[in-house]
Amino acid sequence: MSLTAMPDDVLFMICHTTFLYGGTIFLKFRTRPGEATSWIRRRTPLWSLSRTCSRIRNFCMALMFRSTRLYSDPTHQRSDRELPATLWPYVRSVNLSMMRPCADIATDRAFLCQLPRLVEIHLSVERTAANFDVALSMPSVETLCIQGDESDMLPHVIVDSDALPALRHFSLKYWKRLHGFYRTSIEELYTEMRSLWRILEPHRSCLETLSIPGESMAFTFYAYAPWPALRELEIVGLSPPPQLPIASVLAMMPALRRFKFNVMLMPGTPPVQLVPPSSADKGAISTLAALPPLEALTVPFPVQEVDDLIFSHLSTSNSFRELRLIDGPVSFHEWRRLTWEQHPVVFLYHLHLCSTLGAMRIFSTMTTGNIEHLELVVYQDIFEMRMLAEIARVCPRLSFFEYRRVRTWTYDPWAGTETNRQVPVDQLGEAFAAFRHLRTLRLDLDFTFPYQWSADFVDPETKETHTRNAFPEIAEYLLAQAQRIIRGAQWPESFRRLSLFSHFEWIRRGDEMKVGFRDYWREYIVSEGYVSELRPNTDRQEWKELEDIRERLMDDWISKLESKDSERDWTGAVDDWISRMLKRVASAPDSTSGE
């Protein structure tokens, strides 16, 4: 079929699917030694596809420049925010890195005002709030996301509320707050609370999603008047000051459907209860009847000694679908490694994990409900199998289950695989097979591997050889465990995917700087009792072909851009690829997983 004969919806589907693989366009203004300043664009398959014909180009441009990230060198004293005027109508989201001098505030405002369809701004702030009011002065912006340093980031003086945009989505996150909170004074924290409140107060009636640091949140501010449109609330960072029960805040959000409470605790701070048993008798504002009908709830280190009424209340709701009882923003894998390295952060906070006995008590207070998605992190004990049986009783419709079990708090990088014999793999397989509607199972059974299998202990010069020779041993071991889990029980026909936690590594910026951890999983497809590993790139051969076309094109595309008579011998290759992709899409079965 010729491209000119395809309907618009098919062409848009092709462009949108390519966009999902291609991602965002990155624009970086850079000066090379001996060269003039120029735009450096990240290469993307969508860029090559846009050169096929004018019809496809019209669809590609709207997707390719819908979300644009603009980076800059902090040494620049001139404008580097300008885009060609022909691209302005396509831009709806801008990501600005605020690393330039404060003198560029006027330039930023002038640039953003030239984007007629701009509705979303992402700010990356570096130790200053000088450019903050630029985003707050755009009348059409509906989404504002700010990420920054742990230092003073919010402006002390907020512009008039009439000049602020009608925000619907707001997010504020700090990069290094957990590591540097002890340097924040009470006065600075109080000023931050007031600044954040002055930003949010004018938009109380229109905000739909809100993500803010817990240490910057005063419950008395958020509980005195309703938030009628708020659907999603995320509290991150550190636990908020215990001024009021969290139920007092939730009761003021009648439209709330998703609540994520993902915070760390200071040493000596008791775990926070969302609805303490005594709160039901303290007035109508804190009663269970005033709570919104949540669909998803995320709680770190749930209280197991005293019942939290939130669980028994939500289990009776017909709308409640997702429950996450996790280990906080710092996972237990990270915590054990940081403790072994004697990192300062382990002396500043406390990581509390729920035992399997505590989790069994939580689920025993719940009635049979409609939970379909469950994530659970527990410290294993002798009640593990009874806990899983209780979960199977309470969650008969569960389709997605991520289960992480902690065997020990001690991190030993030289431990061998002999300790893995203590993991009851066969019994766990039988317990999970009792979930008759399960489709996806993700397991972290806390296996240990020799230190030579971990890339963290490998010299950078030999890391490539190490990865090629050592990690296949991990893959082979985990594949054998996956086969034990599947073949040891009668699984439901709906079960299709199994994932096993492999290992974790430091996320490094440059050669030395460690900025966090990344988890690695092995994915397996289950069919008729057999297990086959899903390799990441086996199902993307078609995209590799398009990538080869793009590589051939981009070598000379810039030099030929102004030449209207340039040869386009790559057009036929792209056309052939589109035909193959259409046949593949038409013959592919429905792969929705319900996750």
Protein backbone atom coordinates (compact mmCIF):
# COMPACT_ATOMS: atom_id res chain seq x y z
CA MET A 1 0.00 0.00 0.00
CA SER A 2 1.30 3.44 -0.94
CA LEU A 3 1.81 6.03 1.79
CA THR A 4 -0.39 8.49 -0.08
CA ALA A 5 -3.31 6.04 0.05
CA MET A 6 -3.16 5.38 3.79
CA PRO A 7 -5.83 7.01 5.97
CA ASP A 8 -4.79 9.64 8.49
CA ASP A 9 -5.48 7.48 11.54
CA VAL A 10 -3.11 4.77 10.28
CA LEU A 11 -0.36 7.30 9.60
CA PHE A 12 -0.83 8.81 13.05
CA MET A 13 -0.63 5.34 14.62
CA ILE A 14 2.68 4.73 12.83
CA CYS A 15 4.09 8.06 13.95
CA HIS A 16 2.87 7.69 17.52
CA THR A 17 4.29 4.15 17.83
CA THR A 18 7.64 5.38 16.54
CA PHE A 19 7.46 8.27 19.00
CA LEU A 20 7.12 5.84 21.91
CA TYR A 21 10.49 4.38 20.97
CA GLY A 22 12.09 7.65 19.91
CA GLY A 23 11.25 9.79 22.94
CA THR A 24 11.80 13.48 23.44
CA ILE A 25 13.86 15.84 21.34
CA PHE A 26 16.80 17.25 23.28
CA LEU A 27 18.07 20.68 22.28
CA LYS A 28 21.41 21.78 23.68
CA PHE A 29 23.15 25.00 22.79
CA ARG A 30 26.85 24.26 22.63
CA THR A 31 30.00 26.00 21.49
CA ARG A 32 32.75 23.77 20.16
CA PRO A 33 36.37 24.96 20.10
CA GLY A 34 37.00 26.75 16.84
CA GLU A 35 33.37 26.52 15.72
CA ALA A 36 30.32 28.71 15.87
CA THR A 37 27.50 27.96 18.27
CA SER A 38 25.01 25.42 17.00
CA TRP A 39 22.08 23.26 18.06
CA ILE A 40 22.87 19.68 19.01
CA ARG A 41 19.86 17.41 18.55
CA ARG A 42 19.50 13.94 19.98
CA ARG A 43 18.88 11.57 17.12
CA THR A 44 15.54 9.79 17.09
CA PRO A 45 13.76 7.39 14.69
CA LEU A 46 10.86 9.81 14.52
CA TRP A 47 13.17 12.39 12.96
CA SER A 48 14.01 10.04 10.10
CA LEU A 49 10.41 9.01 9.64
CA SER A 50 9.38 12.67 9.31
CA ARG A 51 11.51 12.94 6.14
CA THR A 52 9.48 10.32 4.30
CA CYS A 53 6.66 12.48 2.94
CA SER A 54 4.81 15.68 3.77
CA ARG A 55 1.77 13.92 5.26
CA ILE A 56 3.84 11.91 7.70
CA ARG A 57 5.93 14.97 8.46
CA ASN A 58 2.85 16.88 9.65
CA PHE A 59 2.07 14.13 12.16
CA CYS A 60 5.69 13.71 13.21
CA MET A 61 6.31 17.37 13.91
CA ALA A 62 3.42 17.58 16.37
CA LEU A 63 4.79 14.57 18.26
CA MET A 64 8.48 15.28 17.87
CA PHE A 65 8.41 18.77 19.34
CA ARG A 66 5.46 18.38 21.70
CA SER A 67 7.84 17.91 24.63
CA THR A 68 11.14 19.76 24.25
CA ARG A 69 14.05 19.76 26.66
CA LEU A 70 16.34 22.75 26.54
CA TYR A 71 19.78 22.58 28.12
CA SER A 72 22.37 25.30 28.40
CA ASP A 73 25.94 25.95 29.41
CA PRO A 74 26.12 28.08 32.59
CA THR A 75 28.86 30.20 31.00
CA HIS A 76 26.49 31.53 28.32
CA GLN A 77 25.46 35.15 28.72
CA ARG A 78 23.14 35.24 25.72
CA SER A 79 19.82 33.73 24.83
CA ASP A 80 19.90 30.02 24.15
CA ARG A 81 16.18 29.39 24.48
CA GLU A 82 15.19 30.39 20.98
CA LEU A 83 13.63 27.88 18.63
CA PRO A 84 12.79 28.52 14.99
CA ALA A 85 9.44 30.26 14.81
CA THR A 86 8.06 27.47 12.62
CA LEU A 87 8.34 25.08 15.59
CA TRP A 88 6.58 27.25 18.18
CA PRO A 89 3.03 25.98 17.44
CA TYR A 90 4.10 22.37 18.15
CA VAL A 91 5.63 22.90 21.60
CA ARG A 92 3.31 22.07 24.49
CA SER A 93 5.84 21.04 27.15
CA VAL A 94 9.22 22.63 27.94
CA ASN A 95 11.91 21.32 30.26
CA LEU A 96 14.23 24.15 31.34
CA SER A 97 17.49 23.63 33.18
CA MET A 98 18.05 26.74 35.30
CA MET A 99 21.84 26.81 35.33
CA ARG A 100 22.38 30.19 33.72
CA PRO A 101 22.97 33.58 35.35
CA CYS A 102 20.02 35.40 36.86
CA ALA A 103 20.33 38.08 34.17
CA ASP A 104 18.58 35.75 31.73
CA ILE A 105 15.22 35.91 33.52
CA ALA A 106 13.81 38.38 31.00
CA THR A 107 15.04 36.21 28.14
CA ASP A 108 13.31 33.15 29.55
CA ARG A 109 10.03 35.01 29.98
CA ALA A 110 10.19 36.44 26.47
CA PHE A 111 10.90 33.02 25.01
CA LEU A 112 8.10 31.19 26.85
CA CYS A 113 5.58 33.86 25.90
CA GLN A 114 6.23 33.07 22.23
CA LEU A 115 4.92 29.50 22.58
CA PRO A 116 1.16 29.72 21.88
CA ARG A 117 0.28 26.17 22.98
CA LEU A 118 2.53 25.88 26.04
CA VAL A 119 0.71 24.11 28.89
CA GLU A 120 3.49 22.31 30.77
CA ILE A 121 6.79 23.50 32.29
CA HIS A 122 9.47 21.42 34.01
CA LEU A 123 12.15 23.31 35.93
CA SER A 124 15.51 21.98 37.06
CA VAL A 125 16.65 24.59 39.57
CA GLU A 126 20.27 24.90 40.69
CA ARG A 127 20.53 26.59 44.09
CA THR A 128 18.48 29.65 43.23
CA ALA A 129 14.86 30.71 43.04
CA ALA A 130 15.50 33.74 40.84
CA ASN A 131 13.92 32.20 37.73
CA PHE A 132 11.02 30.60 39.57
CA ASP A 133 8.55 33.40 38.90
CA VAL A 134 9.06 32.96 35.15
CA ALA A 135 7.02 29.77 35.21
CA LEU A 136 4.44 31.31 37.53
CA SER A 137 3.77 34.15 35.09
CA MET A 138 2.67 32.02 32.12
CA PRO A 139 -1.16 32.33 31.97
CA SER A 140 -1.77 29.15 29.96
CA VAL A 141 0.40 26.74 31.97
CA GLU A 142 -1.52 23.90 33.62
CA THR A 143 1.37 21.65 34.73
CA LEU A 144 4.38 22.81 36.74
CA CYS A 145 7.06 20.38 37.93
CA ILE A 146 10.12 21.60 39.86
CA GLN A 147 13.21 19.63 40.80
CA GLY A 148 16.09 21.22 42.62
CA ASP A 149 18.84 21.26 45.18
CA GLU A 150 18.30 20.99 48.91
CA SER A 151 19.07 24.66 49.42
CA ASP A 152 16.68 27.62 49.31
CA MET A 153 14.69 27.02 46.13
CA LEU A 154 11.23 28.51 46.57
CA PRO A 155 10.87 32.30 46.27
CA HIS A 156 10.12 34.15 49.50
CA VAL A 157 7.96 36.71 47.69
CA ILE A 158 5.28 35.24 45.43
CA VAL A 159 3.80 37.23 42.59
CA ASP A 160 0.17 38.34 42.80
CA SER A 161 -2.18 35.36 42.68
CA ASP A 162 -4.10 36.92 39.79
CA ALA A 163 -0.99 36.55 37.61
CA LEU A 164 -0.52 32.86 38.38
CA PRO A 165 -1.69 30.25 35.86
CA ALA A 166 -4.63 28.00 36.62
CA LEU A 167 -2.53 25.05 37.72
CA ARG A 168 -3.95 21.56 37.47
CA HIS A 169 -0.77 19.57 38.18
CA PHE A 170 2.02 20.61 40.56
CA SER A 171 5.14 18.71 41.67
CA LEU A 172 8.06 19.77 43.88
CA LYS A 173 10.97 17.42 44.60
CA TYR A 174 14.47 17.89 46.01
CA TRP A 175 17.48 16.02 44.73
CA LYS A 176 19.56 15.87 47.91
CA ARG A 177 17.17 16.72 50.72
CA LEU A 178 17.57 13.37 52.48
CA HIS A 179 21.34 13.85 52.70
CA GLY A 180 21.32 17.52 53.68
CA PHE A 181 18.20 18.01 55.77
CA TYR A 182 20.18 18.29 59.00
CA ARG A 183 21.62 21.55 57.65
CA THR A 184 18.14 23.08 57.24
CA SER A 185 17.14 25.35 60.10
CA ILE A 186 13.65 25.63 61.58
CA GLU A 187 13.33 29.15 60.18
CA GLU A 188 14.22 28.01 56.65
CA LEU A 189 11.76 25.14 56.85
CA TYR A 190 8.98 27.42 58.09
CA THR A 191 9.67 29.90 55.28
CA GLU A 192 9.56 27.06 52.78
CA MET A 193 6.21 25.88 54.13
CA ARG A 194 4.70 29.35 53.78
CA SER A 195 6.13 29.88 50.28
CA LEU A 196 4.75 26.56 49.08
CA TRP A 197 1.37 27.31 50.60
CA ARG A 198 1.18 30.73 48.92
CA ILE A 199 1.83 29.07 45.58
CA LEU A 200 -0.83 26.38 46.04
CA GLU A 201 -3.58 28.29 47.86
CA PRO A 202 -4.92 30.19 44.79
CA HIS A 203 -5.32 26.87 42.94
CA ARG A 204 -7.07 24.86 45.65
CA SER A 205 -10.23 24.51 43.57
CA CYS A 206 -8.55 23.43 40.30
CA LEU A 207 -5.53 21.30 41.32
CA GLU A 208 -5.92 17.68 40.20
CA THR A 209 -2.52 16.14 41.04
CA LEU A 210 -0.12 17.27 43.76
CA SER A 211 3.33 15.98 44.75
CA ILE A 212 5.16 17.81 47.57
CA PRO A 213 7.85 17.09 50.20
CA GLY A 214 6.50 15.96 53.53
CA GLU A 215 8.86 18.17 55.51
CA SER A 216 7.44 21.21 53.65
CA MET A 217 3.85 20.26 54.38
CA ALA A 218 1.88 21.67 57.33
CA PHE A 219 -1.31 19.66 57.83
CA THR A 220 -3.07 22.66 59.39
CA PHE A 221 -2.75 24.53 56.07
CA TYR A 222 -4.17 21.68 54.00
CA ALA A 223 -6.99 20.58 56.31
CA TYR A 224 -8.90 23.81 56.90
CA ALA A 225 -10.72 23.94 53.51
CA PRO A 226 -11.64 21.38 50.82
CA TRP A 227 -9.73 20.47 47.65
CA PRO A 228 -12.67 19.59 45.40
CA ALA A 229 -10.77 18.56 42.24
CA LEU A 230 -7.67 16.83 43.68
CA ARG A 231 -7.44 13.25 42.36
CA GLU A 232 -3.82 12.28 43.17
CA LEU A 233 -1.72 13.23 46.20
CA GLU A 234 1.91 12.21 46.69
CA ILE A 235 3.90 13.04 49.84
CA VAL A 236 7.63 12.31 49.46
CA GLY A 237 10.86 13.08 51.28
CA LEU A 238 10.59 13.15 55.08
CA SER A 239 7.62 12.49 57.31
CA PRO A 240 5.48 15.62 57.91
CA PRO A 241 5.29 17.20 61.37
CA PRO A 242 2.59 15.36 63.40
CA GLN A 243 0.21 18.31 63.78
CA LEU A 244 -2.99 16.49 62.77
CA PRO A 245 -3.89 12.95 61.68
CA ILE A 246 -3.46 12.45 57.95
CA ALA A 247 -7.13 11.48 57.89
CA SER A 248 -7.94 15.14 58.56
CA VAL A 249 -6.24 16.10 55.29
CA LEU A 250 -7.72 13.23 53.26
CA ALA A 251 -11.21 14.11 54.46
CA MET A 252 -10.86 17.49 52.74
CA MET A 253 -10.23 15.83 49.36
CA PRO A 254 -13.53 14.23 48.31
CA ALA A 255 -12.33 13.49 44.75
CA LEU A 256 -9.03 11.86 45.84
CA ARG A 257 -8.45 8.50 44.18
CA ARG A 258 -4.70 7.84 44.50
CA PHE A 259 -2.67 8.55 47.65
CA LYS A 260 1.08 7.85 47.81
CA PHE A 261 2.72 8.37 51.20
CA ASN A 262 6.41 7.60 50.52
CA VAL A 263 8.58 9.17 53.23
CA MET A 264 11.55 8.41 55.48
CA LEU A 265 11.52 8.54 59.29
CA MET A 266 13.91 10.37 61.56
CA PRO A 267 15.48 8.20 64.32
CA GLY A 268 13.05 7.75 67.19
CA THR A 269 10.04 8.84 65.14
CA PRO A 270 7.17 6.33 65.33
CA PRO A 271 5.64 5.14 62.05
CA VAL A 272 2.75 7.30 60.90
CA GLN A 273 -0.77 5.91 61.06
CA LEU A 274 -3.15 7.20 58.43
CA VAL A 275 -6.27 6.55 60.52
CA PRO A 276 -5.39 5.73 64.15
CA PRO A 277 -8.00 3.73 66.09
CA SER A 278 -8.71 6.74 68.33
CA SER A 279 -9.34 9.15 65.45
CA ALA A 280 -12.82 7.80 64.75
CA ASP A 281 -14.07 9.40 67.97
CA LYS A 282 -12.56 12.87 67.48
CA GLY A 283 -15.22 14.52 65.39
CA ALA A 284 -16.75 14.21 61.96
CA ILE A 285 -13.67 15.48 60.13
CA SER A 286 -11.62 12.42 61.15
CA THR A 287 -14.25 9.72 60.85
CA LEU A 288 -13.94 6.91 58.37
CA ALA A 289 -17.13 8.04 56.66
CA ALA A 290 -15.42 11.29 55.62
CA LEU A 291 -12.56 9.54 53.83
CA PRO A 292 -12.63 9.61 50.00
CA PRO A 293 -13.13 6.37 48.03
CA LEU A 294 -9.49 5.66 47.19
CA GLU A 295 -8.50 3.46 44.27
CA ALA A 296 -4.77 3.18 45.08
CA LEU A 297 -2.79 3.53 48.33
CA THR A 298 0.98 3.47 48.93
CA VAL A 299 2.24 3.24 52.53
CA PRO A 300 5.84 2.71 53.70
CA PHE A 301 6.65 0.68 56.85
CA PRO A 302 2.99 0.11 57.86
CA VAL A 303 2.27 -0.02 61.58
CA GLN A 304 1.81 -3.61 62.75
CA GLU A 305 1.61 -3.22 66.53
CA VAL A 306 -1.57 -1.09 66.49
CA ASP A 307 -4.31 -1.50 63.91
CA ASP A 308 -4.58 1.24 61.28
CA LEU A 309 -8.24 1.58 60.41
CA ILE A 310 -7.44 2.63 56.83
CA PHE A 311 -6.96 -0.99 55.69
CA SER A 312 -10.22 -2.37 57.03
CA HIS A 313 -12.06 0.67 55.67
CA LEU A 314 -10.64 0.47 52.14
CA SER A 315 -11.22 -3.27 51.84
CA THR A 316 -14.97 -2.60 51.94
CA SER A 317 -14.78 -0.11 49.07
CA ASN A 318 -15.79 -1.29 45.61
CA SER A 319 -13.35 1.14 43.97
CA PHE A 320 -10.16 0.12 45.83
CA ARG A 321 -7.82 -1.67 43.39
CA GLU A 322 -4.12 -1.08 44.25
CA LEU A 323 -2.22 -1.46 47.54
CA ARG A 324 1.51 -0.95 48.08
CA LEU A 325 3.12 -1.70 51.46
CA ILE A 326 6.71 -0.79 50.70
CA ASP A 327 10.04 0.03 52.36
CA GLY A 328 10.13 3.76 51.66
CA PRO A 329 12.07 5.90 49.19
CA VAL A 330 15.30 4.06 50.13
CA SER A 331 14.91 0.33 49.47
CA PHE A 332 16.29 -2.29 51.82
CA HIS A 333 18.89 -3.28 49.20
CA GLU A 334 20.20 0.28 49.18
CA TRP A 335 20.01 0.54 52.97
CA ARG A 336 22.07 -2.60 53.53
CA ARG A 337 24.73 -1.40 51.10
CA LEU A 338 24.82 2.07 52.66
CA THR A 339 25.08 0.52 56.13
CA TRP A 340 27.96 -1.69 55.03
CA GLU A 341 29.74 1.36 53.63
CA GLN A 342 28.91 3.37 56.81
CA HIS A 343 27.26 6.08 54.75
CA PRO A 344 26.17 9.11 56.85
CA VAL A 345 22.54 8.75 55.74
CA VAL A 346 22.06 5.58 57.82
CA PHE A 347 22.67 7.59 61.01
CA LEU A 348 20.09 10.24 60.06
CA TYR A 349 17.04 8.10 59.35
CA HIS A 350 15.38 4.87 60.35
CA LEU A 351 14.18 2.16 57.96
CA HIS A 352 11.28 0.17 59.37
CA LEU A 353 10.08 -3.02 57.69
CA CYS A 354 6.88 -4.89 58.34
CA SER A 355 7.32 -8.54 59.30
CA THR A 356 5.28 -11.30 57.71
CA LEU A 357 3.42 -11.61 61.02
CA GLY A 358 2.59 -7.90 60.93
CA ALA A 359 1.45 -8.13 57.31
CA MET A 360 -0.74 -11.12 58.19
CA ARG A 361 -2.37 -9.05 60.94
CA ILE A 362 -3.02 -6.22 58.50
CA PHE A 363 -4.71 -8.47 55.95
CA SER A 364 -6.67 -10.30 58.65
CA THR A 365 -8.47 -7.02 59.42
CA MET A 366 -9.57 -6.73 55.79
CA THR A 367 -12.61 -8.27 54.21
CA THR A 368 -12.65 -9.93 50.80
CA GLY A 369 -12.18 -7.06 48.39
CA ASN A 370 -11.42 -6.11 44.81
CA ILE A 371 -7.64 -5.58 45.06
CA GLU A 372 -6.02 -6.37 41.70
CA HIS A 373 -2.53 -4.87 42.19
CA LEU A 374 -0.39 -5.58 45.29
CA GLU A 375 3.21 -4.69 46.13
CA LEU A 376 4.55 -5.98 49.44
CA VAL A 377 7.94 -5.73 51.20
CA VAL A 378 8.31 -7.82 54.38
CA TYR A 379 10.94 -9.15 56.75
CA GLN A 380 10.46 -12.90 56.58
CA ASP A 381 9.70 -15.06 59.61
CA ILE A 382 7.92 -18.34 60.33
CA PHE A 383 4.50 -16.87 59.45
CA GLU A 384 5.33 -16.29 55.77
CA MET A 385 3.20 -19.08 54.30
CA ARG A 386 0.25 -18.24 56.54
CA MET A 387 0.53 -14.62 55.44
CA LEU A 388 0.42 -15.57 51.75
CA ALA A 389 -2.60 -17.79 52.38
CA GLU A 390 -4.35 -14.89 54.12
CA ILE A 391 -3.58 -12.59 51.18
CA ALA A 392 -4.99 -15.16 48.76
CA ARG A 393 -8.20 -15.21 50.80
CA VAL A 394 -8.55 -11.43 50.99
CA CYS A 395 -7.46 -10.73 47.38
CA PRO A 396 -9.12 -13.36 45.18
CA ARG A 397 -8.99 -11.07 42.11
CA LEU A 398 -5.29 -10.25 42.36
CA SER A 399 -3.68 -10.08 38.89
CA PHE A 400 -0.36 -8.32 39.68
CA PHE A 401 1.79 -9.21 42.70
CA GLU A 402 5.26 -7.84 43.49
CA TYR A 403 6.69 -9.58 46.54
CA ARG A 404 10.00 -8.68 48.18
CA ARG A 405 11.22 -10.67 51.19
CA VAL A 406 14.17 -9.66 53.36
CA ARG A 407 16.15 -12.47 54.95
CA THR A 408 18.74 -10.46 56.85
CA TRP A 409 19.81 -6.88 57.47
CA THR A 410 23.49 -7.81 57.12
CA TYR A 411 25.11 -7.11 53.78
CA ASP A 412 27.98 -9.48 52.96
CA PRO A 413 29.52 -8.86 49.52
CA TRP A 414 31.54 -12.06 49.83
CA ALA A 415 28.59 -14.35 50.60
CA GLY A 416 28.21 -17.35 48.31
CA THR A 417 25.14 -19.02 46.87
CA GLU A 418 25.01 -21.70 49.56
CA THR A 419 22.83 -19.44 51.72
CA ASN A 420 20.20 -19.46 48.96
CA ARG A 421 19.25 -23.00 50.01
CA GLN A 422 17.41 -21.42 52.93
CA VAL A 423 14.91 -19.84 50.53
CA PRO A 424 11.82 -22.09 50.32
CA VAL A 425 11.45 -21.76 46.55
CA ASP A 426 9.14 -24.76 46.09
CA GLN A 427 6.81 -23.79 48.95
CA LEU A 428 6.64 -20.21 47.69
CA GLY A 429 5.69 -21.46 44.23
CA GLU A 430 2.80 -23.45 45.68
CA ALA A 431 1.68 -20.46 47.76
CA PHE A 432 1.63 -18.08 44.79
CA ALA A 433 -0.17 -20.60 42.59
CA ALA A 434 -3.16 -20.21 44.92
CA PHE A 435 -3.88 -16.81 43.33
CA ARG A 436 -6.21 -18.02 40.60
CA HIS A 437 -6.39 -14.76 38.61
CA LEU A 438 -2.68 -13.91 38.74
CA ARG A 439 -1.15 -12.70 35.48
CA THR A 440 2.16 -11.11 36.53
CA LEU A 441 4.41 -12.08 39.45
CA ARG A 442 7.55 -10.15 40.43
CA LEU A 443 9.68 -11.81 43.11
CA ASP A 444 12.67 -10.55 45.06
CA LEU A 445 13.64 -13.58 47.12
CA ASP A 446 16.80 -11.91 48.43
CA PHE A 447 19.22 -14.31 46.79
CA THR A 448 22.91 -13.77 47.53
CA PHE A 449 25.67 -14.02 44.95
CA PRO A 450 29.47 -13.93 45.25
CA TYR A 451 31.01 -10.48 45.20
CA GLN A 452 32.78 -11.21 41.91
CA TRP A 453 29.35 -11.33 40.27
CA SER A 454 28.61 -7.74 41.22
CA ALA A 455 29.84 -4.98 38.91
CA ASP A 456 30.36 -2.70 41.92
CA PHE A 457 33.52 -4.63 42.83
CA VAL A 458 35.04 -4.71 39.37
CA ASP A 459 37.78 -2.49 38.07
CA PRO A 460 36.30 -0.13 35.42
CA GLU A 461 38.94 -1.20 32.89
CA THR A 462 37.79 -4.84 33.04
CA LYS A 463 34.09 -4.23 33.61
CA GLU A 464 33.10 -5.12 30.04
CA THR A 465 34.84 -8.50 30.23
CA HIS A 466 33.42 -9.08 33.71
CA THR A 467 29.86 -8.35 32.59
CA ARG A 468 30.20 -10.72 29.65
CA ASN A 469 31.62 -13.59 31.74
CA ALA A 470 29.99 -13.22 35.18
CA PHE A 471 26.41 -12.09 34.72
CA PRO A 472 25.41 -15.08 32.56
CA GLU A 473 26.00 -17.16 35.71
CA ILE A 474 23.39 -15.07 37.54
CA ALA A 475 21.01 -15.43 34.59
CA GLU A 476 21.49 -19.21 34.51
CA TYR A 477 20.91 -19.54 38.25
CA LEU A 478 17.75 -17.41 38.21
CA LEU A 479 16.36 -19.30 35.21
CA ALA A 480 16.70 -22.53 37.17
CA GLN A 481 14.85 -20.98 40.12
CA ALA A 482 12.10 -19.74 37.81
CA GLN A 483 11.64 -23.26 36.47
CA ARG A 484 11.39 -24.61 40.04
CA ILE A 485 8.71 -22.05 40.89
CA ILE A 486 6.60 -22.80 37.81
CA ARG A 487 6.92 -26.58 37.63
CA GLY A 488 6.32 -27.15 41.33
CA ALA A 489 2.66 -26.09 41.34
CA GLN A 490 -0.51 -25.98 39.25
CA TRP A 491 -0.70 -22.39 38.02
CA PRO A 492 -3.83 -20.69 36.65
CA GLU A 493 -4.17 -20.38 32.89
CA SER A 494 -4.11 -16.58 33.17
CA PHE A 495 -0.53 -16.56 34.52
CA ARG A 496 1.85 -15.31 31.83
CA ARG A 497 4.83 -13.38 33.22
CA LEU A 498 7.36 -14.00 36.00
CA SER A 499 10.16 -11.64 37.05
CA LEU A 500 13.02 -12.39 39.44
CA PHE A 501 15.20 -9.74 41.04
CA SER A 502 18.76 -10.11 39.77
CA HIS A 503 21.03 -7.51 41.38
CA PHE A 504 21.46 -3.80 41.91
CA GLU A 505 24.25 -1.37 41.12
CA TRP A 506 25.21 2.17 41.88
CA ILE A 507 23.97 4.75 39.40
CA ARG A 508 27.05 6.77 38.60
CA ARG A 509 27.36 10.22 37.12
CA GLY A 510 30.72 10.34 35.42
CA ASP A 511 33.38 7.91 36.63
CA GLU A 512 33.21 8.38 40.40
CA MET A 513 30.08 10.22 41.56
CA LYS A 514 27.40 7.87 42.95
CA VAL A 515 23.88 9.28 42.73
CA GLY A 516 21.69 6.28 43.62
CA PHE A 517 20.88 2.64 42.94
CA ARG A 518 19.23 0.82 40.07
CA ASP A 519 17.47 -2.54 40.32
CA TYR A 520 17.88 -5.21 37.65
CA TRP A 521 15.26 -7.88 36.96
CA ARG A 522 15.15 -10.98 34.78
CA GLU A 523 11.88 -11.32 32.86
CA TYR A 524 10.33 -14.68 31.93
CA ILE A 525 7.34 -15.70 29.82
CA VAL A 526 5.29 -18.62 31.15
CA SER A 527 3.34 -20.83 28.76
CA GLU A 528 1.88 -24.29 29.48
CA GLY A 529 4.24 -24.89 32.38
CA TYR A 530 7.38 -23.86 30.48
CA VAL A 531 9.58 -20.86 31.20
CA SER A 532 11.44 -18.85 28.59
CA GLU A 533 13.47 -15.73 29.29
CA LEU A 534 12.32 -12.52 27.65
CA ARG A 535 15.37 -10.84 26.21
CA PRO A 536 14.99 -7.07 25.93
CA ASN A 537 15.87 -6.63 22.26
CA THR A 538 14.55 -9.77 20.57
CA ASP A 539 11.18 -8.20 19.80
CA ARG A 540 12.59 -4.92 18.50
CA GLN A 541 14.32 -6.05 15.32
CA GLU A 542 12.07 -3.84 13.21
CA TRP A 543 13.15 -0.81 15.22
CA LYS A 544 16.80 -1.79 14.74
CA GLU A 545 16.23 -1.69 10.99
CA LEU A 546 14.79 1.81 11.24
CA GLU A 547 17.75 2.81 13.42
CA ASP A 548 20.13 1.67 10.67
CA ILE A 549 18.22 3.79 8.17
CA ARG A 550 18.43 6.75 10.52
CA GLU A 551 22.19 6.34 10.94
CA ARG A 552 22.73 6.42 7.18
CA LEU A 553 20.51 9.45 6.86
CA MET A 554 21.86 11.60 9.69
CA ASP A 555 25.46 11.49 8.43
CA ASP A 556 24.63 13.77 5.53
CA TRP A 557 21.16 15.11 6.39
CA ILE A 558 22.34 18.36 7.95
CA SER A 559 24.54 19.24 4.99
CA LYS A 560 21.77 18.51 2.49
CA LEU A 561 18.96 20.11 4.45
CA GLU A 562 18.92 23.30 2.40
CA SER A 563 19.15 21.47 -0.91
CA LYS A 564 15.66 20.76 -2.23
CA ASP A 565 17.03 18.53 -5.02
CA SER A 566 18.93 16.14 -2.72
CA GLU A 567 18.50 12.44 -3.37
CA ARG A 568 16.24 10.52 -1.00
CA ASP A 569 17.24 6.96 -1.61
CA TRP A 570 16.33 6.15 1.98
CA THR A 571 12.61 6.76 1.32
CA GLY A 572 12.08 3.30 -0.13
CA ALA A 573 13.76 1.68 2.86
CA VAL A 574 11.47 3.52 5.27
CA ASP A 575 8.44 2.60 3.14
CA ASP A 576 9.38 -1.08 3.25
CA TRP A 577 9.84 -0.91 7.01
CA ILE A 578 6.40 0.68 7.49
CA SER A 579 4.78 -2.08 5.43
CA ARG A 580 6.40 -4.78 7.56
CA MET A 581 5.40 -3.02 10.77
CA LEU A 582 1.76 -2.71 9.64
CA LYS A 583 1.61 -6.43 8.91
CA ARG A 584 3.13 -7.16 12.33
CA VAL A 585 0.64 -4.91 14.13
CA ALA A 586 -2.30 -6.43 12.25
CA SER A 587 -1.27 -10.00 13.11
CA ALA A 588 -0.19 -9.39 16.72
CA PRO A 589 -2.53 -10.72 19.44
CA ASP A 590 -3.88 -8.56 22.24
CA SER A 591 -1.03 -8.27 24.76
CA THR A 592 -2.69 -6.21 27.45
CA SER A 593 -1.54 -7.46 30.84
CA GLY A 594 -3.84 -5.62 33.17
CA GLU A 595 -0.93 -4.15 35.08
